[in-house]
Protein backbone atom coordinates (compact mmCIF):
# COMPACT_ATOMS: atom_id res chain seq x y z
CA MET A 1 109.52 111.04 123.72
CA TYR A 2 111.72 109.57 126.43
CA ILE A 3 115.47 110.20 126.24
CA THR A 4 117.35 107.39 127.97
CA GLU A 5 120.60 109.35 128.31
CA THR A 6 118.95 112.12 130.35
CA ALA A 7 116.13 110.00 131.82
CA LYS A 8 113.70 112.76 130.85
CA GLU A 9 110.90 113.35 128.39
CA ARG A 10 111.27 115.73 125.45
CA ILE A 11 108.70 117.19 123.04
CA ALA A 12 109.78 117.00 119.41
CA ASN A 13 108.21 117.91 116.07
CA THR A 14 109.73 114.97 114.25
CA LEU A 15 110.69 111.46 115.25
CA VAL A 16 112.67 109.04 113.08
CA TRP A 17 113.23 105.41 114.01
CA TYR A 18 116.43 103.65 113.01
CA PRO A 19 116.12 100.07 114.28
CA SER A 20 119.59 98.89 115.17
CA HIS A 21 118.89 96.17 117.70
CA VAL A 22 115.85 94.62 116.05
CA VAL A 23 115.72 93.17 112.57
CA MET A 24 112.71 94.45 110.67
CA PRO A 25 110.41 91.63 109.52
CA LYS A 26 110.32 90.90 105.81
CA THR A 27 107.75 89.24 103.64
CA SER A 28 108.98 86.43 101.43
CA SER A 29 108.01 86.46 97.78
CA THR A 30 105.96 83.29 98.42
CA ASN A 31 104.00 84.98 101.21
CA ALA A 32 103.47 88.11 99.11
CA ALA A 33 102.22 86.02 96.15
CA THR A 34 99.92 84.01 98.43
CA ALA A 35 98.45 87.19 99.91
CA ALA A 36 97.93 88.63 96.43
CA ALA A 37 96.22 85.41 95.33
CA ARG A 38 93.87 85.60 98.34
CA ASP A 39 93.02 89.19 97.44
CA LEU A 40 92.35 88.15 93.84
CA ILE A 41 90.14 85.25 94.96
CA TYR A 42 88.09 87.61 97.11
CA ALA A 43 87.80 90.20 94.32
CA MET A 44 86.77 87.57 91.78
CA GLN A 45 84.20 85.96 94.06
CA ASN A 46 82.82 89.26 95.42
CA PRO A 47 82.65 91.73 92.53
CA HIS A 48 81.88 95.28 93.54
CA PRO A 49 78.56 96.42 92.07
CA ALA A 50 79.85 99.92 91.28
CA ALA A 51 82.79 98.70 89.16
CA PRO A 52 83.26 100.96 86.12
CA ILE A 53 83.88 98.01 83.79
CA ALA A 54 81.33 96.19 81.68
CA PRO A 55 79.74 93.06 83.16
CA LEU A 56 81.70 89.88 82.49
CA ALA A 57 80.59 87.42 79.86
CA ASP A 58 79.92 83.87 81.06
CA ASP A 59 83.16 82.50 79.57
CA HIS A 60 85.18 85.26 81.30
CA ARG A 61 83.43 84.59 84.59
CA LYS A 62 84.18 80.84 84.26
CA GLY A 63 87.82 81.59 83.47
CA LEU A 64 88.15 83.83 86.52
CA GLN A 65 86.46 81.18 88.68
CA ASN A 66 88.98 78.62 87.40
CA LEU A 67 91.81 80.97 88.34
CA ALA A 68 90.30 81.46 91.80
CA GLU A 69 90.15 77.68 92.26
CA ILE A 70 93.79 77.34 91.15
CA PHE A 71 94.85 80.07 93.58
CA GLN A 72 92.89 78.41 96.39
CA GLN A 73 94.53 75.04 95.68
CA VAL A 74 98.01 76.58 95.64
CA GLY A 75 97.21 78.43 98.87
CA ARG A 76 96.06 75.21 100.55
CA ASN A 77 99.19 73.38 99.40
CA HIS A 78 101.38 76.26 100.60
CA THR A 79 99.67 76.32 104.00
CA SER A 80 99.98 72.54 104.35
CA SER A 81 103.71 72.63 103.63
CA GLU A 82 104.17 75.45 106.19
CA ASP A 83 102.51 73.26 108.85
CA LEU A 84 105.24 70.67 108.31
CA ASP A 85 108.03 73.12 109.15
């Protein structure tokens, strides 16, 4: 690593960063929920063939598809409102 005080490089076993001049980015709860909804949509629409759970019944599959559509609609509305900012 480079030490600014000595203007030299130093080899260290451990390096810890304490950001004091830069604010670390944060994810809002809305962005976290939107990302989780996108992950759920993908998982519902692309089931993994090796899943250890029993195959879904038709009514369960329809319910999950309805949830995916709701999540997609909310995501589109959220994205549209962000474009206005």
